[in-house]
């Protein structure tokens, strides 16, 4: 699996820990920046990760800003992107299993590198259930998406 990873300047402090963990799990990293703490706009880097998934360059994404909220809002504007803000391991795997989440959003000013590593492991090891009541719910939000992205 290839994982798109991007951050703004405020998410940058945990970015290396995230990349290290993705590689440790045996996955390929598509590093989309930023590469330093110079101020940049989070929507630009969130969009890069979303586009990588939409185009098939990556199967999942991990995107960081200061709180994780800005990148999450940006990503959820993109058709086919299902981003969730997670600062705990349960939400990270449950979002994938129950909700088909394909992008993990993290706040670099909210959590530290060790917790980020645990959350990334939980996110990447999870697989969507895609059956029963979970599939019914996923199909419902995808139907809503079709109505708004005509």
N, C-alpha and C. Protein backbone atom coordinates (compact mmCIF):
# COMPACT_ATOMS: atom_id res chain seq x y z
N UNK A 1 0.86 -1.18 0.00
CA UNK A 1 0.00 0.00 0.00
C UNK A 1 0.90 1.23 0.00
N UNK A 2 0.48 2.24 -0.76
CA UNK A 2 1.17 3.52 -0.76
C UNK A 2 0.33 4.50 0.05
N UNK A 3 1.00 5.25 0.93
CA UNK A 3 0.33 6.19 1.82
C UNK A 3 0.85 7.59 1.53
N UNK A 4 -0.06 8.48 1.16
CA UNK A 4 0.27 9.89 0.96
C UNK A 4 0.36 10.57 2.31
N UNK A 5 1.45 11.28 2.54
CA UNK A 5 1.66 11.98 3.81
C UNK A 5 1.96 13.44 3.50
N UNK A 6 1.23 14.33 4.16
CA UNK A 6 1.51 15.76 3.99
C UNK A 6 1.16 16.50 5.27
N UNK A 7 1.74 17.70 5.38
CA UNK A 7 1.45 18.54 6.55
C UNK A 7 1.74 19.99 6.21
N UNK A 8 1.18 20.85 7.02
CA UNK A 8 1.60 22.24 6.96
C UNK A 8 2.71 22.42 7.99
N UNK A 9 3.10 23.65 8.24
CA UNK A 9 4.18 23.93 9.19
C UNK A 9 3.84 23.50 10.62
N UNK A 10 2.57 23.60 11.01
CA UNK A 10 2.17 23.27 12.38
C UNK A 10 2.06 21.76 12.59
N UNK A 11 1.86 21.01 11.52
CA UNK A 11 1.84 19.56 11.62
C UNK A 11 3.21 18.94 11.44
N UNK A 12 4.14 19.73 10.94
CA UNK A 12 5.48 19.24 10.64
C UNK A 12 6.20 18.57 11.82
N UNK A 13 6.02 19.03 13.06
CA UNK A 13 6.74 18.41 14.17
C UNK A 13 6.48 16.90 14.36
N UNK A 14 5.34 16.39 13.90
CA UNK A 14 5.08 14.95 14.03
C UNK A 14 5.21 14.20 12.71
N UNK A 15 5.50 14.91 11.65
CA UNK A 15 5.53 14.31 10.31
C UNK A 15 6.58 13.21 10.20
N UNK A 16 7.77 13.42 10.70
CA UNK A 16 8.82 12.40 10.59
C UNK A 16 8.45 11.14 11.35
N UNK A 17 7.83 11.29 12.51
CA UNK A 17 7.38 10.11 13.28
C UNK A 17 6.33 9.34 12.50
N UNK A 18 5.45 10.06 11.82
CA UNK A 18 4.41 9.41 11.00
C UNK A 18 5.07 8.64 9.84
N UNK A 19 5.98 9.28 9.13
CA UNK A 19 6.65 8.64 8.00
C UNK A 19 7.42 7.41 8.46
N UNK A 20 8.13 7.54 9.56
CA UNK A 20 8.89 6.42 10.12
C UNK A 20 7.98 5.22 10.40
N UNK A 21 6.81 5.49 10.95
CA UNK A 21 5.87 4.41 11.29
C UNK A 21 5.28 3.77 10.05
N UNK A 22 4.95 4.56 9.06
CA UNK A 22 4.42 4.01 7.81
C UNK A 22 5.45 3.05 7.20
N UNK A 23 6.70 3.47 7.16
CA UNK A 23 7.77 2.64 6.60
C UNK A 23 8.00 1.39 7.46
N UNK A 24 7.96 1.56 8.77
CA UNK A 24 8.14 0.45 9.71
C UNK A 24 7.11 -0.66 9.47
N UNK A 25 5.92 -0.26 9.07
CA UNK A 25 4.85 -1.23 8.79
C UNK A 25 4.97 -1.86 7.40
N UNK A 26 5.96 -1.42 6.65
CA UNK A 26 6.20 -2.01 5.34
C UNK A 26 5.48 -1.35 4.18
N UNK A 27 4.94 -0.16 4.40
CA UNK A 27 4.22 0.55 3.36
C UNK A 27 5.12 1.61 2.72
N UNK A 28 4.76 1.98 1.50
CA UNK A 28 5.49 3.01 0.77
C UNK A 28 4.92 4.38 1.12
N UNK A 29 5.79 5.36 1.27
CA UNK A 29 5.38 6.73 1.59
C UNK A 29 5.47 7.60 0.35
N UNK A 30 4.41 8.35 0.10
CA UNK A 30 4.40 9.39 -0.92
C UNK A 30 4.42 10.71 -0.14
N UNK A 31 5.60 11.28 0.03
CA UNK A 31 5.78 12.50 0.83
C UNK A 31 5.46 13.71 -0.01
N UNK A 32 4.38 14.41 0.37
CA UNK A 32 3.90 15.56 -0.40
C UNK A 32 4.19 16.90 0.27
N UNK A 33 5.13 16.91 1.22
CA UNK A 33 5.53 18.15 1.88
C UNK A 33 4.63 18.47 3.08
N UNK A 34 4.86 19.54 3.66
CA UNK A 34 5.95 20.47 3.57
C UNK A 34 7.19 19.85 4.21
N UNK A 35 8.32 20.46 3.96
CA UNK A 35 9.57 19.86 4.42
C UNK A 35 10.32 20.71 5.43
N UNK A 36 9.63 21.67 6.03
CA UNK A 36 10.25 22.51 7.06
C UNK A 36 9.15 23.23 7.83
N UNK A 37 9.56 24.07 8.77
CA UNK A 37 8.59 24.78 9.62
C UNK A 37 8.20 26.16 9.09
N UNK A 38 8.58 26.47 7.86
CA UNK A 38 8.16 27.74 7.27
C UNK A 38 6.66 27.75 7.05
N UNK A 39 6.02 28.87 7.35
CA UNK A 39 4.57 28.98 7.27
C UNK A 39 4.05 28.71 5.86
N UNK A 40 3.06 27.79 5.78
CA UNK A 40 2.38 27.48 4.52
C UNK A 40 0.89 27.35 4.82
N UNK A 41 0.07 27.24 3.80
CA UNK A 41 -1.37 27.12 3.97
C UNK A 41 -1.80 25.66 3.94
N UNK A 42 -2.46 25.21 5.00
CA UNK A 42 -2.84 23.80 5.12
C UNK A 42 -3.72 23.29 3.98
N UNK A 43 -4.64 24.09 3.39
CA UNK A 43 -5.46 23.53 2.31
C UNK A 43 -4.64 23.03 1.12
N UNK A 44 -3.51 23.69 0.86
CA UNK A 44 -2.68 23.28 -0.27
C UNK A 44 -2.14 21.86 -0.08
N UNK A 45 -1.73 21.54 1.14
CA UNK A 45 -1.13 20.24 1.40
C UNK A 45 -2.18 19.16 1.62
N UNK A 46 -3.33 19.54 2.14
CA UNK A 46 -4.43 18.58 2.26
C UNK A 46 -4.90 18.19 0.86
N UNK A 47 -5.03 19.16 -0.02
CA UNK A 47 -5.49 18.88 -1.38
C UNK A 47 -4.53 17.95 -2.11
N UNK A 48 -3.23 18.13 -1.91
CA UNK A 48 -2.25 17.25 -2.56
C UNK A 48 -2.48 15.79 -2.17
N UNK A 49 -2.72 15.56 -0.90
CA UNK A 49 -2.94 14.18 -0.43
C UNK A 49 -4.26 13.63 -0.98
N UNK A 50 -5.30 14.44 -0.96
CA UNK A 50 -6.58 14.00 -1.51
C UNK A 50 -6.48 13.67 -2.98
N UNK A 51 -5.80 14.50 -3.74
CA UNK A 51 -5.62 14.25 -5.17
C UNK A 51 -4.82 12.98 -5.42
N UNK A 52 -3.85 12.69 -4.57
CA UNK A 52 -3.06 11.47 -4.72
C UNK A 52 -3.95 10.23 -4.57
N UNK A 53 -4.90 10.29 -3.67
CA UNK A 53 -5.81 9.15 -3.48
C UNK A 53 -6.80 9.07 -4.65
N UNK A 54 -7.37 10.19 -5.01
CA UNK A 54 -8.34 10.21 -6.11
C UNK A 54 -7.71 9.71 -7.41
N UNK A 55 -6.46 10.06 -7.66
CA UNK A 55 -5.78 9.67 -8.90
C UNK A 55 -5.24 8.25 -8.86
N UNK A 56 -5.27 7.62 -7.69
CA UNK A 56 -4.75 6.26 -7.57
C UNK A 56 -3.27 6.17 -7.25
N UNK A 57 -2.63 7.31 -7.01
CA UNK A 57 -1.21 7.29 -6.62
C UNK A 57 -1.01 6.73 -5.21
N UNK A 58 -2.06 6.81 -4.39
CA UNK A 58 -1.99 6.31 -3.01
C UNK A 58 -3.34 5.71 -2.65
N UNK A 59 -3.32 4.76 -1.74
CA UNK A 59 -4.56 4.13 -1.28
C UNK A 59 -5.12 4.82 -0.04
N UNK A 60 -4.23 5.35 0.80
CA UNK A 60 -4.65 6.07 2.00
C UNK A 60 -3.78 7.30 2.18
N UNK A 61 -4.22 8.17 3.10
CA UNK A 61 -3.46 9.37 3.38
C UNK A 61 -3.41 9.66 4.86
N UNK A 62 -2.36 10.37 5.26
CA UNK A 62 -2.22 10.89 6.62
C UNK A 62 -1.81 12.35 6.46
N UNK A 63 -2.64 13.25 6.99
CA UNK A 63 -2.43 14.68 6.77
C UNK A 63 -2.49 15.40 8.11
N UNK A 64 -1.57 16.35 8.30
CA UNK A 64 -1.44 17.03 9.59
C UNK A 64 -1.43 18.54 9.44
N UNK A 65 -2.08 19.20 10.38
CA UNK A 65 -1.94 20.64 10.56
C UNK A 65 -1.86 20.85 12.07
N UNK A 66 -2.05 22.06 12.55
CA UNK A 66 -1.93 22.31 13.98
C UNK A 66 -2.93 21.54 14.82
N UNK A 67 -4.21 21.65 14.47
CA UNK A 67 -5.27 20.95 15.22
C UNK A 67 -5.74 19.69 14.51
N UNK A 68 -5.52 19.60 13.21
CA UNK A 68 -6.07 18.52 12.40
C UNK A 68 -7.43 18.87 11.82
N UNK A 69 -8.05 19.90 12.34
CA UNK A 69 -9.40 20.27 11.91
C UNK A 69 -9.40 20.88 10.50
N UNK A 70 -8.50 21.80 10.25
CA UNK A 70 -8.47 22.47 8.95
C UNK A 70 -8.25 21.50 7.80
N UNK A 71 -7.29 20.58 7.97
CA UNK A 71 -7.05 19.62 6.89
C UNK A 71 -8.22 18.66 6.74
N UNK A 72 -8.87 18.32 7.84
CA UNK A 72 -10.03 17.43 7.77
C UNK A 72 -11.18 18.07 7.01
N UNK A 73 -11.46 19.33 7.30
CA UNK A 73 -12.51 20.04 6.58
C UNK A 73 -12.17 20.12 5.09
N UNK A 74 -10.94 20.49 4.79
CA UNK A 74 -10.52 20.60 3.39
C UNK A 74 -10.69 19.28 2.65
N UNK A 75 -10.18 18.21 3.22
CA UNK A 75 -10.23 16.90 2.58
C UNK A 75 -11.66 16.42 2.35
N UNK A 76 -12.55 16.68 3.28
CA UNK A 76 -13.92 16.21 3.14
C UNK A 76 -14.73 17.00 2.12
N UNK A 77 -14.12 18.00 1.51
CA UNK A 77 -14.74 18.70 0.38
C UNK A 77 -14.48 17.97 -0.93
N UNK A 78 -13.62 16.97 -0.90
CA UNK A 78 -13.19 16.27 -2.11
C UNK A 78 -13.97 14.97 -2.28
N UNK A 79 -14.55 14.77 -3.45
CA UNK A 79 -15.34 13.57 -3.72
C UNK A 79 -14.46 12.32 -3.61
N UNK A 80 -14.94 11.35 -2.83
CA UNK A 80 -14.21 10.10 -2.66
C UNK A 80 -13.22 10.10 -1.53
N UNK A 81 -13.09 11.22 -0.85
CA UNK A 81 -12.19 11.30 0.30
C UNK A 81 -13.03 11.27 1.56
N UNK A 82 -12.67 10.38 2.46
CA UNK A 82 -13.38 10.20 3.72
C UNK A 82 -12.36 10.35 4.84
N UNK A 83 -12.22 11.60 5.29
CA UNK A 83 -11.19 11.96 6.26
C UNK A 83 -11.78 12.03 7.65
N UNK A 84 -10.99 11.58 8.62
CA UNK A 84 -11.41 11.67 10.01
C UNK A 84 -10.28 12.19 10.88
N UNK A 85 -10.64 13.06 11.80
CA UNK A 85 -9.70 13.59 12.78
C UNK A 85 -9.65 12.62 13.95
N UNK A 86 -8.50 12.06 14.22
CA UNK A 86 -8.36 11.07 15.28
C UNK A 86 -7.17 11.40 16.17
N UNK A 87 -7.43 11.46 17.46
CA UNK A 87 -6.35 11.65 18.42
C UNK A 87 -6.31 10.51 19.42
N UNK A 88 -6.90 9.37 19.02
CA UNK A 88 -6.86 8.15 19.82
C UNK A 88 -6.87 6.95 18.88
N UNK A 89 -6.39 5.82 19.36
CA UNK A 89 -6.27 4.64 18.50
C UNK A 89 -7.61 4.02 18.15
N UNK A 90 -8.58 4.07 19.06
CA UNK A 90 -9.88 3.47 18.79
C UNK A 90 -10.54 4.14 17.58
N UNK A 91 -10.59 5.45 17.57
CA UNK A 91 -11.22 6.17 16.46
C UNK A 91 -10.49 5.90 15.15
N UNK A 92 -9.18 5.74 15.20
CA UNK A 92 -8.39 5.52 13.99
C UNK A 92 -8.74 4.19 13.32
N UNK A 93 -8.89 3.13 14.10
CA UNK A 93 -9.24 1.85 13.46
C UNK A 93 -10.74 1.74 13.22
N UNK A 94 -11.55 2.28 14.10
CA UNK A 94 -13.00 2.22 13.94
C UNK A 94 -13.44 3.03 12.73
N UNK A 95 -12.78 4.16 12.47
CA UNK A 95 -13.12 4.97 11.30
C UNK A 95 -12.91 4.22 9.99
N UNK A 96 -11.87 3.40 9.94
CA UNK A 96 -11.63 2.58 8.75
C UNK A 96 -12.63 1.43 8.70
N UNK A 97 -12.77 0.71 9.80
CA UNK A 97 -13.61 -0.49 9.83
C UNK A 97 -15.08 -0.18 9.58
N UNK A 98 -15.62 0.82 10.24
CA UNK A 98 -17.05 1.11 10.17
C UNK A 98 -17.42 2.14 9.10
N UNK A 99 -16.50 3.05 8.80
CA UNK A 99 -16.85 4.21 7.98
C UNK A 99 -16.03 4.36 6.71
N UNK A 100 -15.18 3.40 6.40
CA UNK A 100 -14.39 3.42 5.17
C UNK A 100 -13.48 4.65 5.08
N UNK A 101 -13.01 5.14 6.22
CA UNK A 101 -12.13 6.31 6.27
C UNK A 101 -10.85 6.00 5.50
N UNK A 102 -10.47 6.90 4.58
CA UNK A 102 -9.25 6.67 3.82
C UNK A 102 -8.16 7.71 4.09
N UNK A 103 -8.47 8.72 4.89
CA UNK A 103 -7.45 9.70 5.29
C UNK A 103 -7.55 9.94 6.79
N UNK A 104 -6.41 9.82 7.44
CA UNK A 104 -6.27 10.11 8.86
C UNK A 104 -5.76 11.54 9.00
N UNK A 105 -6.45 12.34 9.81
CA UNK A 105 -6.02 13.71 10.09
C UNK A 105 -5.53 13.78 11.53
N UNK A 106 -4.40 14.45 11.71
CA UNK A 106 -3.78 14.58 13.03
C UNK A 106 -3.43 16.03 13.30
N UNK A 107 -3.44 16.39 14.58
CA UNK A 107 -3.04 17.73 15.00
C UNK A 107 -1.65 17.73 15.60
N UNK A 108 -0.71 18.33 14.90
CA UNK A 108 0.67 18.35 15.36
C UNK A 108 0.89 19.17 16.62
N UNK A 109 -0.05 20.05 16.95
CA UNK A 109 0.05 20.82 18.18
C UNK A 109 -0.82 20.22 19.28
N UNK A 110 -1.47 19.11 19.00
CA UNK A 110 -2.36 18.46 19.96
C UNK A 110 -1.73 17.19 20.53
N UNK A 111 -1.11 16.40 19.65
CA UNK A 111 -0.49 15.15 20.09
C UNK A 111 1.00 15.17 19.79
N UNK A 112 1.73 14.32 20.49
CA UNK A 112 3.16 14.19 20.27
C UNK A 112 3.48 13.04 19.34
N UNK A 113 4.76 12.86 19.05
CA UNK A 113 5.17 11.84 18.10
C UNK A 113 4.86 10.41 18.52
N UNK A 114 4.96 10.08 19.77
CA UNK A 114 4.71 8.70 20.19
C UNK A 114 3.24 8.32 20.05
N UNK A 115 2.34 9.20 20.45
CA UNK A 115 0.92 8.93 20.27
C UNK A 115 0.59 8.90 18.78
N UNK A 116 1.19 9.78 18.01
CA UNK A 116 0.96 9.79 16.55
C UNK A 116 1.33 8.43 15.96
N UNK A 117 2.44 7.86 16.39
CA UNK A 117 2.86 6.55 15.89
C UNK A 117 1.82 5.48 16.20
N UNK A 118 1.31 5.48 17.43
CA UNK A 118 0.29 4.49 17.81
C UNK A 118 -0.98 4.65 16.97
N UNK A 119 -1.39 5.87 16.76
CA UNK A 119 -2.61 6.14 15.98
C UNK A 119 -2.41 5.71 14.53
N UNK A 120 -1.26 6.00 13.97
CA UNK A 120 -0.96 5.60 12.58
C UNK A 120 -0.98 4.08 12.46
N UNK A 121 -0.39 3.38 13.41
CA UNK A 121 -0.42 1.91 13.37
C UNK A 121 -1.85 1.39 13.37
N UNK A 122 -2.68 1.96 14.23
CA UNK A 122 -4.08 1.55 14.34
C UNK A 122 -4.82 1.81 13.03
N UNK A 123 -4.61 2.96 12.42
CA UNK A 123 -5.24 3.33 11.16
C UNK A 123 -4.82 2.41 10.02
N UNK A 124 -3.53 2.17 9.88
CA UNK A 124 -3.04 1.42 8.73
C UNK A 124 -3.27 -0.09 8.85
N UNK A 125 -3.37 -0.60 10.05
CA UNK A 125 -3.62 -2.03 10.23
C UNK A 125 -5.10 -2.38 10.06
N UNK A 126 -5.96 -1.39 10.10
CA UNK A 126 -7.41 -1.63 10.02
C UNK A 126 -7.85 -1.85 8.58
N UNK A 127 -8.90 -2.67 8.43
CA UNK A 127 -9.51 -2.88 7.11
C UNK A 127 -11.01 -2.64 7.22
N UNK A 128 -11.61 -2.10 6.18
CA UNK A 128 -13.06 -1.85 6.21
C UNK A 128 -13.84 -3.17 6.34
N UNK A 129 -14.90 -3.15 7.13
CA UNK A 129 -15.76 -4.32 7.27
C UNK A 129 -16.59 -4.50 6.00
N UNK A 130 -17.15 -3.42 5.48
CA UNK A 130 -17.89 -3.42 4.20
C UNK A 130 -18.92 -4.53 4.06
N UNK A 131 -19.66 -4.77 5.11
CA UNK A 131 -20.78 -5.71 5.04
C UNK A 131 -21.80 -5.35 6.13
N UNK A 132 -22.97 -5.92 6.01
CA UNK A 132 -24.01 -5.71 7.01
C UNK A 132 -24.37 -4.26 7.21
N UNK A 133 -24.63 -3.91 8.46
CA UNK A 133 -25.07 -2.54 8.78
C UNK A 133 -24.02 -1.50 8.43
N UNK A 134 -22.74 -1.85 8.44
CA UNK A 134 -21.69 -0.89 8.10
C UNK A 134 -21.76 -0.52 6.62
N UNK A 135 -21.98 -1.49 5.78
CA UNK A 135 -22.10 -1.23 4.35
C UNK A 135 -23.35 -0.42 4.03
N UNK A 136 -24.44 -0.70 4.73
CA UNK A 136 -25.67 0.07 4.55
C UNK A 136 -25.41 1.55 4.85
N UNK A 137 -24.72 1.81 5.95
CA UNK A 137 -24.44 3.19 6.35
C UNK A 137 -23.48 3.87 5.37
N UNK A 138 -22.45 3.15 4.95
CA UNK A 138 -21.50 3.71 3.99
C UNK A 138 -22.22 4.05 2.69
N UNK A 139 -23.07 3.16 2.23
CA UNK A 139 -23.83 3.44 1.00
C UNK A 139 -24.73 4.66 1.16
N UNK A 140 -25.26 4.88 2.35
CA UNK A 140 -26.09 6.06 2.59
C UNK A 140 -25.27 7.35 2.47
N UNK A 141 -24.08 7.40 3.07
CA UNK A 141 -23.33 8.65 2.94
C UNK A 141 -22.75 8.82 1.55
N UNK A 142 -22.49 7.74 0.85
CA UNK A 142 -22.03 7.87 -0.53
C UNK A 142 -23.17 8.35 -1.44
N UNK A 143 -24.41 7.99 -1.12
CA UNK A 143 -25.56 8.50 -1.88
C UNK A 143 -25.71 10.01 -1.65
N UNK A 144 -25.50 10.45 -0.44
CA UNK A 144 -25.54 11.89 -0.14
C UNK A 144 -24.44 12.60 -0.92
N UNK A 145 -23.26 12.01 -0.93
CA UNK A 145 -22.14 12.58 -1.68
C UNK A 145 -22.48 12.77 -3.15
N UNK A 146 -23.13 11.78 -3.75
CA UNK A 146 -23.50 11.89 -5.16
C UNK A 146 -24.45 13.06 -5.41
N UNK A 147 -25.35 13.31 -4.46
CA UNK A 147 -26.29 14.43 -4.60
C UNK A 147 -25.58 15.78 -4.60
N UNK A 148 -24.50 15.89 -3.86
CA UNK A 148 -23.82 17.18 -3.72
C UNK A 148 -22.67 17.37 -4.68
N UNK A 149 -22.17 16.31 -5.29
CA UNK A 149 -21.05 16.40 -6.21
C UNK A 149 -21.48 16.06 -7.63
N UNK A 150 -22.54 16.70 -8.10
CA UNK A 150 -23.04 16.45 -9.46
C UNK A 150 -22.26 17.23 -10.47
